[in-house]
Amino acid sequence: MSHKVHPKSYRIRRIEDWGSRGFYQKNLVQYLKEDFEIRKFLTSNLNNMGLEKIDIERFPRKTSIIIFSARPGLIIGRGGEGVENIKKGLIQLLEKKFGKKINKGELNIEIREVKNPWMSATLSAEWAIQQIERRVRHKKVLKQVIEKIMANQDAKGARIELSGRLDGVEIARREWAQKGNMPRNTIRADIDYYSNFARCSYGAIGVKVWIYKGEKFE
C-alpha cells in the first residue's frame, strides 16, 4: 500500500521550514498548545480576509506572529486598529486558557501581503471552496482554477482534486484536473499544497490543490 506524505513535511530542512520556530526548549508542550490556540483564534477571526498561513517565531522574551494575507488592509484596519484588536483578543485568550500574564510588548504581530493569490495553493483552494458552496458546477470550478493558476509565468504545473458527492449526486466520486508538470516525488521540487473541504447541504466536498513553482537547490 502507498504511504501519502504532506509535500511540505517531505521537504522540511531542505527547501521548506517549520511553521513554528524559535526557542521552545523545556516549555515545548505548553508552547505548542499555545500555537494551536493562536492559529485557531486567528483562522476563525480572519476567515474572509484572504488568510494564507500563520508563522510563529519565539524569542526568549518575545513572540512574533507573522500573518500572510492577500488582503492586509482589512486586517490592519484604520490606523492599525485591527491589529490592536487582534492583539488584545490573543492576550485575553492566552491569559484565560493558560493562566499567565502577557504584556503587549511581548507579543508582536506582523502582516505580510501575498502579492499573487493564484500562486498560493491555500487561497486557490479557498476560492474553489467558495464556488462549490455557491452551487457552481464542479467541472467549471476545476477548469477555472487550473486556468487562473497557469496564467502566471511562475507556475510550472497545477493540479486540483475534488472528492465527495459532486453536484449533489447519490454516489460519491473523485475528479481531478492537471496541467503542466507535477513531480511530487522530487524533493527539490517547490510544490505548494493545501487541502480542505466545502460544507454543502448534501455533505462535505474535499478540495486539494497542488502548485508546482519549479526546483529549489540548497
Protein backbone atom coordinates (compact mmCIF):
# COMPACT_ATOMS: atom_id res chain seq x y z
CA MET A 1 0.00 0.00 0.00
CA SER A 2 1.14 3.54 -0.72
CA HIS A 3 2.08 5.97 2.05
CA LYS A 4 0.96 9.57 1.48
CA VAL A 5 3.11 12.37 2.91
CA HIS A 6 2.39 16.10 3.01
CA PRO A 7 4.66 17.82 0.43
CA LYS A 8 5.89 20.37 2.98
CA SER A 9 6.81 17.86 5.70
CA TYR A 10 8.53 15.81 3.00
CA ARG A 11 10.81 18.79 2.28
CA ILE A 12 11.44 20.20 5.77
CA ARG A 13 15.04 21.29 6.31
CA ARG A 14 15.74 21.05 2.59
CA ILE A 15 13.72 23.77 0.86
CA GLU A 16 10.96 24.35 3.46
CA ASP A 17 10.92 25.45 7.12
CA TRP A 18 8.69 24.83 10.13
CA GLY A 19 5.61 26.99 10.71
CA SER A 20 6.55 27.32 14.40
CA ARG A 21 10.19 28.02 15.18
CA GLY A 22 12.40 29.59 17.82
CA PHE A 23 13.27 28.99 21.49
CA TYR A 24 10.91 26.24 22.73
CA GLN A 25 13.32 24.14 24.86
CA LYS A 26 11.77 22.84 28.12
CA ASN A 27 8.38 24.51 27.54
CA LEU A 28 7.78 22.68 24.25
CA VAL A 29 4.39 21.14 25.19
CA GLN A 30 2.91 24.38 26.57
CA TYR A 31 4.20 26.48 23.67
CA LEU A 32 2.79 24.05 21.09
CA LYS A 33 -0.61 24.20 22.79
CA GLU A 34 -0.41 27.99 22.66
CA ASP A 35 0.49 27.85 18.95
CA PHE A 36 -2.58 25.72 18.21
CA GLU A 37 -4.84 28.14 20.12
CA ILE A 38 -3.30 31.17 18.38
CA ARG A 39 -3.82 29.66 14.92
CA LYS A 40 -7.36 28.57 15.79
CA PHE A 41 -8.25 32.07 17.04
CA LEU A 42 -6.77 33.87 14.02
CA THR A 43 -8.27 31.46 11.47
CA SER A 44 -11.77 31.92 12.89
CA ASN A 45 -11.49 35.72 13.16
CA LEU A 46 -9.77 36.33 9.80
CA ASN A 47 -11.82 33.84 7.82
CA ASN A 48 -12.85 36.18 4.96
CA MET A 49 -9.69 38.27 4.78
CA GLY A 50 -7.56 36.24 2.37
CA LEU A 51 -5.60 34.44 5.08
CA GLU A 52 -2.89 32.17 3.64
CA LYS A 53 -0.79 30.98 6.59
CA ILE A 54 0.42 31.93 10.07
CA ASP A 55 4.05 31.61 11.15
CA ILE A 56 5.06 31.85 14.81
CA GLU A 57 8.58 32.78 15.94
CA ARG A 58 9.50 32.61 19.64
CA PHE A 59 12.34 34.53 21.26
CA PRO A 60 13.38 34.49 24.97
CA ARG A 61 11.02 37.33 25.95
CA LYS A 62 9.05 37.96 22.79
CA THR A 63 6.65 36.11 20.48
CA SER A 64 6.29 37.22 16.88
CA ILE A 65 3.22 36.21 14.85
CA ILE A 66 3.54 36.64 11.08
CA ILE A 67 0.23 36.67 9.18
CA PHE A 68 0.32 36.19 5.40
CA SER A 69 -2.77 37.61 3.70
CA ALA A 70 -3.92 38.68 0.25
CA ARG A 71 -5.97 41.50 1.85
CA PRO A 72 -3.70 43.02 4.52
CA GLY A 73 -5.61 46.32 4.60
CA LEU A 74 -8.69 44.62 6.04
CA ILE A 75 -6.65 43.06 8.85
CA ILE A 76 -4.68 46.22 9.71
CA GLY A 77 -7.76 48.49 9.74
CA ARG A 78 -7.76 52.26 10.14
CA GLY A 79 -4.61 53.43 11.88
CA GLY A 80 -3.73 49.87 12.89
CA GLU A 81 -6.94 49.44 14.88
CA GLY A 82 -7.49 45.91 13.55
CA VAL A 83 -4.05 44.71 14.66
CA GLU A 84 -4.57 46.16 18.15
CA ASN A 85 -7.91 44.36 18.48
CA ILE A 86 -6.31 41.08 17.39
CA LYS A 87 -3.51 41.57 19.92
CA LYS A 88 -5.97 42.27 22.76
CA GLY A 89 -8.02 39.20 21.82
CA LEU A 90 -4.94 36.98 21.75
CA ILE A 91 -3.71 38.24 25.14
CA GLN A 92 -7.12 37.63 26.72
CA LEU A 93 -7.29 34.15 25.17
CA LEU A 94 -3.82 33.10 26.36
CA GLU A 95 -4.37 34.51 29.87
CA LYS A 96 -7.71 32.70 30.16
CA LYS A 97 -6.52 29.38 28.72
CA PHE A 98 -3.06 29.15 30.28
CA GLY A 99 -3.30 31.47 33.29
CA LYS A 100 -0.24 33.60 32.61
CA LYS A 101 0.15 37.36 32.31
CA ILE A 102 1.33 38.74 28.98
CA ASN A 103 2.42 42.32 28.32
CA LYS A 104 1.63 43.98 24.98
CA GLY A 105 5.35 44.38 24.30
CA GLU A 106 5.90 40.63 24.48
CA LEU A 107 3.53 39.96 21.58
CA ASN A 108 4.33 41.29 18.11
CA ILE A 109 2.02 40.91 15.10
CA GLU A 110 3.37 41.40 11.59
CA ILE A 111 1.19 41.45 8.46
CA ARG A 112 2.73 40.41 5.13
CA GLU A 113 1.00 40.75 1.79
CA VAL A 114 0.55 37.85 -0.62
CA LYS A 115 1.04 39.67 -3.91
CA ASN A 116 -0.31 36.94 -6.19
CA PRO A 117 -3.16 34.89 -4.61
CA TRP A 118 -3.24 32.46 -7.54
CA MET A 119 0.30 31.32 -6.76
CA SER A 120 -0.91 30.21 -3.31
CA ALA A 121 -2.46 26.76 -3.00
CA THR A 122 -4.33 27.87 0.14
CA LEU A 123 -6.04 30.86 -1.45
CA SER A 124 -6.75 28.98 -4.70
CA ALA A 125 -8.39 26.13 -2.77
CA GLU A 126 -10.41 28.54 -0.62
CA TRP A 127 -11.72 30.24 -3.77
CA ALA A 128 -12.75 26.83 -5.15
CA ILE A 129 -14.49 26.02 -1.84
CA GLN A 130 -16.49 29.25 -2.01
CA GLN A 131 -17.59 28.44 -5.56
CA ILE A 132 -18.67 24.90 -4.63
CA GLU A 133 -20.64 26.16 -1.63
CA ARG A 134 -22.45 28.55 -4.02
CA ARG A 135 -23.55 25.50 -6.09
CA VAL A 136 -21.27 26.19 -9.08
CA ARG A 137 -20.77 23.07 -11.23
CA HIS A 138 -17.65 21.17 -10.18
CA LYS A 139 -16.31 20.83 -13.75
CA LYS A 140 -16.44 24.60 -14.17
CA VAL A 141 -14.58 25.08 -10.88
CA LEU A 142 -11.85 22.62 -11.93
CA LYS A 143 -11.36 24.38 -15.26
CA GLN A 144 -11.35 27.91 -13.82
CA VAL A 145 -8.85 27.17 -11.03
CA ILE A 146 -6.40 25.47 -13.41
CA GLU A 147 -6.63 28.32 -15.94
CA LYS A 148 -6.18 31.05 -13.32
CA ILE A 149 -3.12 29.33 -11.79
CA MET A 150 -1.45 28.52 -15.12
CA ALA A 151 -1.97 32.11 -16.34
CA ASN A 152 1.04 33.00 -14.13
CA GLN A 153 4.52 32.64 -15.60
CA ASP A 154 5.93 31.31 -12.32
CA ALA A 155 3.54 28.33 -12.31
CA LYS A 156 5.16 25.28 -13.92
CA GLY A 157 2.24 22.99 -13.17
CA ALA A 158 -1.03 22.75 -11.24
CA ARG A 159 -3.43 20.07 -10.06
CA ILE A 160 -6.80 20.28 -8.31
CA GLU A 161 -8.80 17.35 -6.99
CA LEU A 162 -12.42 17.24 -5.77
CA SER A 163 -13.99 14.29 -3.96
CA GLY A 164 -17.40 13.54 -2.48
CA ARG A 165 -21.00 13.85 -3.68
CA LEU A 166 -20.11 16.22 -6.52
CA ASP A 167 -23.09 18.38 -7.57
CA GLY A 168 -25.22 16.51 -5.02
CA VAL A 169 -25.37 13.13 -6.80
CA GLU A 170 -26.06 9.97 -4.79
CA ILE A 171 -22.76 8.19 -5.43
CA ALA A 172 -19.56 9.87 -4.23
CA ARG A 173 -16.63 10.01 -6.62
CA ARG A 174 -13.34 11.78 -7.25
CA GLU A 175 -12.46 14.03 -10.17
CA TRP A 176 -9.29 15.99 -10.85
CA ALA A 177 -7.65 18.24 -13.41
CA GLN A 178 -3.97 18.80 -14.05
CA LYS A 179 -1.91 20.95 -16.37
CA GLY A 180 1.86 21.19 -16.72
CA ASN A 181 4.43 19.24 -14.70
CA MET A 182 3.86 17.89 -11.18
CA PRO A 183 6.96 15.95 -9.93
CA ARG A 184 5.60 15.03 -6.49
CA ASN A 185 8.40 12.53 -5.80
CA THR A 186 11.24 15.01 -6.41
CA ILE A 187 12.43 16.52 -3.12
CA ARG A 188 13.90 19.67 -4.67
CA ALA A 189 10.58 20.44 -6.42
CA ASP A 190 8.93 23.52 -4.89
CA ILE A 191 5.31 22.37 -4.54
CA ASP A 192 2.71 24.36 -2.62
CA TYR A 193 -0.11 22.14 -1.29
CA TYR A 194 -3.34 22.68 0.60
CA SER A 195 -6.41 20.57 1.43
CA ASN A 196 -9.74 21.46 2.99
CA PHE A 197 -13.41 20.74 2.43
CA ALA A 198 -16.51 22.63 1.36
CA ARG A 199 -19.56 22.36 3.62
CA CYS A 200 -22.60 21.77 1.43
CA SER A 201 -26.19 20.82 2.32
CA TYR A 202 -25.66 17.38 0.73
CA GLY A 203 -22.34 16.69 2.51
CA ALA A 204 -18.68 17.66 2.57
CA ILE A 205 -16.67 18.03 -0.67
CA GLY A 206 -12.92 17.57 -0.29
CA VAL A 207 -10.67 20.01 -2.15
CA LYS A 208 -6.94 19.54 -2.77
CA VAL A 209 -4.64 21.89 -4.70
CA TRP A 210 -1.02 21.44 -5.79
CA ILE A 211 1.03 24.22 -7.43
CA TYR A 212 4.48 23.45 -8.84
CA LYS A 213 6.78 26.50 -8.92
CA GLY A 214 9.97 24.95 -10.27
CA GLU A 215 13.00 23.49 -8.49
CA LYS A 216 14.93 24.81 -5.48
CA PHE A 217 18.50 23.89 -4.67
CA GLU A 218 20.15 24.06 -1.26
